[in-house]
Amino acid sequence: MTQTTRPHPRPRRSCLAVPGSNPRFLEKAKSLNSDQVFLDLEDACAPLAKPGARKNIVATLNEGGWGDRLRVVRVNDWTTQWTYRDVIEVVEGAGANLDCIMLPKVQTPEQVVALDLLLTQIETENGLDVGRIGIETQIENALGLINVNAIAAASPRVETVIFGPADFMASINMKSLVVGEQPQGYDVGDAYHHALMSILMAARAYGKQAIDGPYVQIRDVDGYQRVAARSAALGFDGKWVLHPGQIDAANEVYSPRQDDYDHAENILDAYDHFTSGAGGAVGAVMLGDEMIDEASRKMALVISAKGRAAGMARTEVWTPPGS
């Protein structure tokens, strides 16, 4: 297993799914403003279309034109006959132009280790930087959720832990056919809170990003925003998008509000000033009507990092007293 240190987490507010079997959709995805694109060899491809989809994906990755977007390929899960060919053909064919492999239906940490080992062999054989290609893990059933902590810690390649609501709902016999919505009769609280929080805790414990899964009512943007706001409020980093119309909603929901971003940057500036010799070297001070201290600084760092990753600019700048 590789021990390469992963790069600093990259923005994944909007993670666009694109079927690998559709060249027209693959080309269109290059013009869209999602943070990430994942080219799908799993559920979006019929079994007979998978070999051709691999070739489409290799070609479109090598053609370029993806800008700063993260380029990810979702392979089939290890319980199928397609996984090893997916990984070998895609990474041997376009490994230099690929950021991550997404592994669906992860149930045990050993499945992540197996992918890590296969990637390392392919990278070594083909002269690629060993360990550069990351792994995205998708939690889609009860066993995967029970093992989520070990899955998040299984390899230094792991960059994200993803909630897959549709398969998860089926795996626990949830009484609903509307992916991600509250099941009928569950009228108090959030039926997905335990799953979301478990994924979030595992991701944060091991320095990974937490990503929410799809909302399949693709024309209901208000519904998408409502469901996305649930995981964004907990601290998730982004959500899948299945249609271009959901991209702007995702980018907005998983970015800080402008006033929150300005306030976070002002807290950081004020705290740096007041804890310095010039500011009196004090540990807790008032910023307007708010007391700020080291805990405030840590909270502000989170909002600041999200805003900077989203390319936000400050509209309000704090200045030290007497300046």
Protein backbone atom coordinates (compact mmCIF):
# COMPACT_ATOMS: atom_id res chain seq x y z
CA MET A 1 0.00 0.00 0.00
CA THR A 2 1.34 3.44 -0.92
CA GLN A 3 2.15 5.92 1.84
CA THR A 4 2.28 9.01 -0.37
CA THR A 5 0.98 12.18 1.30
CA ARG A 6 -2.21 13.42 -0.36
CA PRO A 7 -2.46 16.97 -1.72
CA HIS A 8 -4.44 19.63 0.12
CA PRO A 9 -8.18 18.92 -0.28
CA ARG A 10 -9.51 20.37 -3.50
CA PRO A 11 -12.97 21.97 -3.87
CA ARG A 12 -15.76 19.49 -4.55
CA ARG A 13 -18.89 21.59 -4.03
CA SER A 14 -20.45 20.22 -7.23
CA CYS A 15 -19.59 16.71 -8.44
CA LEU A 16 -21.09 16.18 -11.90
CA ALA A 17 -21.97 12.63 -12.99
CA VAL A 18 -21.47 11.91 -16.70
CA PRO A 19 -22.16 8.52 -18.33
CA GLY A 20 -19.02 7.17 -19.98
CA SER A 21 -21.08 5.61 -22.74
CA ASN A 22 -22.29 8.97 -24.10
CA PRO A 23 -19.58 10.90 -26.01
CA ARG A 24 -21.85 13.93 -26.46
CA PHE A 25 -22.37 14.29 -22.71
CA LEU A 26 -18.65 13.78 -22.09
CA GLU A 27 -17.80 16.65 -24.40
CA LYS A 28 -20.50 18.94 -22.99
CA ALA A 29 -19.23 18.38 -19.44
CA LYS A 30 -16.00 20.20 -20.31
CA SER A 31 -17.91 23.47 -20.67
CA LEU A 32 -19.77 23.28 -17.35
CA ASN A 33 -18.70 25.00 -14.14
CA SER A 34 -18.70 22.06 -11.74
CA ASP A 35 -15.76 21.63 -9.37
CA GLN A 36 -15.50 17.96 -10.27
CA VAL A 37 -16.60 15.68 -13.08
CA PHE A 38 -16.83 11.95 -12.61
CA LEU A 39 -17.08 9.82 -15.71
CA ASP A 40 -19.22 6.83 -14.88
CA LEU A 41 -18.62 3.20 -15.79
CA GLU A 42 -21.05 1.85 -13.20
CA ASP A 43 -24.79 2.47 -12.94
CA ALA A 44 -24.95 4.93 -15.87
CA CYS A 45 -23.58 2.29 -18.28
CA ALA A 46 -25.44 -0.80 -19.43
CA PRO A 47 -23.34 -3.99 -19.16
CA LEU A 48 -22.88 -4.28 -22.93
CA ALA A 49 -21.79 -0.63 -23.13
CA LYS A 50 -19.03 -0.81 -20.50
CA PRO A 51 -16.10 -1.85 -22.77
CA GLY A 52 -16.86 0.95 -25.20
CA ALA A 53 -17.34 3.42 -22.35
CA ARG A 54 -13.82 2.71 -21.09
CA LYS A 55 -12.44 3.69 -24.48
CA ASN A 56 -14.59 6.84 -24.58
CA ILE A 57 -13.32 7.88 -21.15
CA VAL A 58 -9.65 7.32 -22.00
CA ALA A 59 -10.05 9.35 -25.18
CA THR A 60 -11.85 12.29 -23.56
CA LEU A 61 -9.39 12.47 -20.64
CA ASN A 62 -6.43 12.52 -23.01
CA GLU A 63 -8.02 15.14 -25.25
CA GLY A 64 -7.91 17.62 -22.37
CA GLY A 65 -10.03 20.74 -22.08
CA TRP A 66 -11.10 20.03 -18.49
CA GLY A 67 -9.57 23.17 -17.01
CA ASP A 68 -9.20 23.09 -13.24
CA ARG A 69 -11.94 20.52 -12.70
CA LEU A 70 -11.13 17.37 -10.80
CA ARG A 71 -11.23 14.43 -13.21
CA VAL A 72 -12.62 11.26 -11.62
CA VAL A 73 -13.72 7.92 -13.05
CA ARG A 74 -16.23 5.75 -11.21
CA VAL A 75 -15.44 2.09 -11.82
CA ASN A 76 -17.67 -0.86 -11.03
CA ASP A 77 -17.59 -2.35 -7.54
CA TRP A 78 -15.45 -5.32 -6.56
CA THR A 79 -18.39 -7.76 -6.51
CA THR A 80 -18.69 -7.47 -10.31
CA GLN A 81 -16.58 -8.93 -13.12
CA TRP A 82 -15.71 -5.51 -14.56
CA THR A 83 -13.68 -3.77 -11.87
CA TYR A 84 -10.15 -4.87 -12.69
CA ARG A 85 -10.55 -4.16 -16.41
CA ASP A 86 -12.07 -0.75 -15.61
CA VAL A 87 -9.07 0.23 -13.50
CA ILE A 88 -6.38 -1.24 -15.77
CA GLU A 89 -7.73 0.19 -19.03
CA VAL A 90 -8.50 3.65 -17.66
CA VAL A 91 -5.29 4.14 -15.64
CA GLU A 92 -2.97 2.59 -18.24
CA GLY A 93 -4.68 4.62 -20.95
CA ALA A 94 -5.11 8.00 -19.23
CA GLY A 95 -3.51 7.84 -15.78
CA ALA A 96 -1.52 11.03 -16.33
CA ASN A 97 -4.79 12.91 -16.93
CA LEU A 98 -6.78 11.40 -14.07
CA ASP A 99 -7.12 12.67 -10.49
CA CYS A 100 -9.11 9.94 -8.72
CA ILE A 101 -10.80 6.58 -9.06
CA MET A 102 -14.21 6.38 -7.39
CA LEU A 103 -14.99 2.98 -5.90
CA PRO A 104 -18.72 2.38 -5.37
CA LYS A 105 -20.45 0.12 -2.85
CA VAL A 106 -17.44 -0.07 -0.55
CA GLN A 107 -18.20 -2.48 2.27
CA THR A 108 -14.84 -3.22 3.90
CA PRO A 109 -11.43 -1.53 4.17
CA GLU A 110 -9.89 -4.50 2.34
CA GLN A 111 -11.69 -3.41 -0.83
CA VAL A 112 -9.94 -0.04 -0.64
CA VAL A 113 -6.58 -1.73 0.01
CA ALA A 114 -7.09 -3.93 -3.05
CA LEU A 115 -7.68 -0.90 -5.26
CA ASP A 116 -4.65 0.86 -3.75
CA LEU A 117 -2.43 -2.13 -4.54
CA LEU A 118 -3.72 -2.40 -8.11
CA LEU A 119 -3.19 1.33 -8.69
CA THR A 120 0.35 1.12 -7.32
CA GLN A 121 1.23 -1.74 -9.68
CA ILE A 122 -0.19 0.07 -12.70
CA GLU A 123 1.55 3.33 -11.81
CA THR A 124 4.87 1.56 -11.28
CA GLU A 125 4.64 -0.40 -14.53
CA ASN A 126 3.66 2.67 -16.57
CA GLY A 127 6.06 5.23 -15.10
CA LEU A 128 3.35 7.25 -13.36
CA ASP A 129 3.89 9.02 -10.03
CA VAL A 130 3.09 6.36 -7.45
CA GLY A 131 0.30 7.46 -5.13
CA ARG A 132 -0.80 10.54 -7.07
CA ILE A 133 -4.15 9.08 -8.15
CA GLY A 134 -6.60 9.34 -5.26
CA ILE A 135 -9.49 7.10 -4.24
CA GLU A 136 -13.06 8.21 -3.59
CA THR A 137 -15.05 5.76 -1.45
CA GLN A 138 -18.80 5.48 -1.80
CA ILE A 139 -20.84 4.17 1.14
CA GLU A 140 -24.03 2.59 -0.18
CA ASN A 141 -25.17 -0.12 2.21
CA ALA A 142 -25.47 -1.08 5.85
CA LEU A 143 -22.16 -2.97 6.04
CA GLY A 144 -20.29 -0.08 4.46
CA LEU A 145 -21.73 2.36 6.98
CA ILE A 146 -20.82 0.10 9.90
CA ASN A 147 -17.23 -0.06 8.57
CA VAL A 148 -16.98 3.58 7.49
CA ASN A 149 -14.25 4.53 9.97
CA ALA A 150 -11.97 1.72 8.82
CA ILE A 151 -12.77 2.50 5.18
CA ALA A 152 -11.79 6.16 5.59
CA ALA A 153 -8.51 5.08 7.19
CA ALA A 154 -7.75 2.22 4.79
CA SER A 155 -5.36 4.08 2.46
CA PRO A 156 -3.60 7.44 2.28
CA ARG A 157 -5.00 7.67 -1.25
CA VAL A 158 -8.55 8.12 0.09
CA GLU A 159 -9.72 11.70 -0.53
CA THR A 160 -13.48 11.48 -0.03
CA VAL A 161 -16.21 9.51 1.69
CA ILE A 162 -19.46 9.69 -0.26
CA PHE A 163 -23.04 8.91 0.77
CA GLY A 164 -24.92 6.86 -1.84
CA PRO A 165 -28.56 7.26 -0.80
CA ALA A 166 -30.37 5.12 -3.40
CA ASP A 167 -28.57 1.83 -2.81
CA PHE A 168 -28.38 2.61 0.90
CA MET A 169 -32.14 3.05 1.10
CA ALA A 170 -32.62 -0.30 -0.63
CA SER A 171 -30.05 -2.04 1.59
CA ILE A 172 -31.93 -1.15 4.79
CA ASN A 173 -35.40 -1.74 3.30
CA MET A 174 -36.40 1.91 3.63
CA LYS A 175 -40.03 2.46 2.67
CA SER A 176 -39.50 5.06 -0.06
CA LEU A 177 -38.89 5.36 -3.79
CA VAL A 178 -37.81 9.01 -3.78
CA VAL A 179 -34.03 9.15 -3.45
CA GLY A 180 -32.84 11.34 -0.59
CA GLU A 181 -36.29 12.51 0.50
CA GLN A 182 -37.78 11.66 3.88
CA PRO A 183 -39.75 8.39 3.76
CA GLN A 184 -43.49 8.69 4.21
CA GLY A 185 -44.39 8.44 7.87
CA TYR A 186 -41.05 9.77 9.13
CA ASP A 187 -42.43 13.10 10.21
CA VAL A 188 -39.99 14.04 13.00
CA GLY A 189 -36.30 14.64 12.43
CA ASP A 190 -34.19 13.43 9.53
CA ALA A 191 -34.14 9.76 8.50
CA TYR A 192 -30.63 10.18 7.05
CA HIS A 193 -29.03 12.01 9.95
CA HIS A 194 -27.25 8.97 11.37
CA ALA A 195 -25.81 7.98 7.99
CA LEU A 196 -24.71 11.51 7.14
CA MET A 197 -23.18 12.14 10.54
CA SER A 198 -21.38 8.79 10.57
CA ILE A 199 -19.82 9.54 7.19
CA LEU A 200 -18.92 13.06 8.26
CA MET A 201 -17.26 11.91 11.50
CA ALA A 202 -15.21 9.28 9.67
CA ALA A 203 -14.16 11.78 7.03
CA ARG A 204 -13.11 14.44 9.52
CA ALA A 205 -11.35 11.98 11.82
CA TYR A 206 -9.01 10.99 8.99
CA GLY A 207 -8.75 14.27 7.09
CA LYS A 208 -11.04 13.38 4.17
CA GLN A 209 -13.83 15.28 2.44
CA ALA A 210 -17.48 14.31 2.95
CA ILE A 211 -19.71 14.34 -0.13
CA ASP A 212 -23.49 13.95 -0.28
CA GLY A 213 -25.05 11.84 -3.03
CA PRO A 214 -27.53 12.64 -5.80
CA TYR A 215 -30.99 14.17 -5.86
CA VAL A 216 -32.74 12.45 -8.75
CA GLN A 217 -35.62 14.91 -9.29
CA ILE A 218 -33.37 16.84 -11.64
CA ARG A 219 -35.85 19.57 -12.57
CA ASP A 220 -36.73 20.37 -8.95
CA VAL A 221 -33.91 22.77 -8.15
CA ASP A 222 -35.68 24.03 -5.03
CA GLY A 223 -35.85 20.46 -3.75
CA TYR A 224 -32.18 19.97 -4.54
CA GLN A 225 -31.25 23.08 -2.59
CA ARG A 226 -33.39 22.01 0.37
CA VAL A 227 -31.82 18.56 0.57
CA ALA A 228 -28.31 19.90 -0.06
CA ALA A 229 -28.73 22.45 2.72
CA ARG A 230 -29.22 19.57 5.17
CA SER A 231 -25.75 18.09 4.61
CA ALA A 232 -24.12 21.50 4.06
CA ALA A 233 -25.34 22.60 7.49
CA LEU A 234 -23.62 19.60 9.06
CA GLY A 235 -20.35 20.43 7.33
CA PHE A 236 -20.33 18.36 4.14
CA ASP A 237 -18.06 19.65 1.40
CA GLY A 238 -20.28 19.08 -1.63
CA LYS A 239 -22.92 17.03 -3.39
CA TRP A 240 -23.40 15.14 -6.63
CA VAL A 241 -25.17 16.81 -9.52
CA LEU A 242 -26.95 14.79 -12.19
CA HIS A 243 -27.94 17.69 -14.44
CA PRO A 244 -26.30 21.00 -15.40
CA GLY A 245 -29.22 22.82 -13.78
CA GLN A 246 -28.11 21.61 -10.34
CA ILE A 247 -24.52 22.88 -10.59
CA ASP A 248 -25.07 26.51 -9.59
CA ALA A 249 -27.27 25.39 -6.70
CA ALA A 250 -24.53 23.10 -5.38
CA ASN A 251 -21.83 25.74 -5.74
CA GLU A 252 -23.98 28.22 -3.82
CA VAL A 253 -25.15 25.89 -1.04
CA TYR A 254 -21.67 24.56 -0.25
CA SER A 255 -20.01 27.98 -0.31
CA PRO A 256 -20.23 30.35 2.69
CA ARG A 257 -22.61 33.28 2.55
CA GLN A 258 -20.75 36.49 1.76
CA ASP A 259 -21.34 38.04 5.19
CA ASP A 260 -20.16 34.84 6.90
CA TYR A 261 -17.02 34.78 4.79
CA ASP A 262 -16.26 38.45 5.53
CA HIS A 263 -16.87 37.88 9.23
CA ALA A 264 -14.58 34.84 9.30
CA GLU A 265 -11.74 36.76 7.64
CA ASN A 266 -12.25 39.66 10.05
CA ILE A 267 -12.10 37.30 13.04
CA LEU A 268 -8.79 35.93 11.77
CA ASP A 269 -7.34 39.39 11.22
CA ALA A 270 -8.53 40.71 14.58
CA TYR A 271 -7.33 37.66 16.49
CA ASP A 272 -3.90 37.81 14.83
CA HIS A 273 -3.63 41.48 15.79
CA PHE A 274 -4.78 41.24 19.40
CA THR A 275 -2.66 38.17 20.21
CA SER A 276 0.45 39.90 18.86
CA GLY A 277 2.68 42.22 20.85
CA ALA A 278 1.36 45.25 18.97
CA GLY A 279 -2.20 44.32 19.92
CA GLY A 280 -1.51 43.65 23.59
CA ALA A 281 -0.90 39.88 23.44
CA VAL A 282 -4.32 39.02 24.84
CA GLY A 283 -6.14 35.74 24.27
CA ALA A 284 -9.79 36.84 24.31
CA VAL A 285 -11.07 40.15 22.98
CA MET A 286 -14.21 41.81 21.75
CA LEU A 287 -14.90 42.13 18.04
CA GLY A 288 -17.90 44.43 17.97
CA ASP A 289 -20.41 42.77 20.28
CA GLU A 290 -18.76 39.34 20.03
CA MET A 291 -16.03 37.85 22.18
CA ILE A 292 -13.45 35.97 20.11
CA ASP A 293 -10.74 33.57 21.26
CA GLU A 294 -8.80 30.56 19.98
CA ALA A 295 -11.97 28.55 19.45
CA SER A 296 -13.37 31.40 17.37
CA ARG A 297 -10.23 31.35 15.26
CA LYS A 298 -10.61 27.63 14.54
CA MET A 299 -14.23 28.07 13.48
CA ALA A 300 -13.30 31.03 11.30
CA LEU A 301 -10.56 29.03 9.59
CA VAL A 302 -13.17 26.56 8.34
CA ILE A 303 -15.37 29.25 6.77
CA SER A 304 -12.35 31.11 5.42
CA ALA A 305 -10.98 27.98 3.74
CA LYS A 306 -14.32 27.21 2.10
CA GLY A 307 -14.66 30.78 0.86
CA ARG A 308 -11.14 30.96 -0.52
CA ALA A 309 -11.58 27.61 -2.27
CA ALA A 310 -14.75 28.99 -3.84
CA GLY A 311 -12.83 32.04 -5.10
CA MET A 312 -14.74 34.50 -2.92
CA ALA A 313 -13.47 38.05 -2.40
CA ARG A 314 -13.92 40.09 0.77
CA THR A 315 -16.35 42.98 0.75
CA GLU A 316 -15.63 44.12 4.31
CA VAL A 317 -12.13 44.42 5.82
CA TRP A 318 -11.45 44.84 9.56
CA THR A 319 -8.83 47.41 10.57
CA PRO A 320 -7.09 47.61 13.99
CA PRO A 321 -8.25 50.34 16.39
CA GLY A 322 -6.48 53.61 15.77
CA SER A 323 -5.49 52.74 12.21
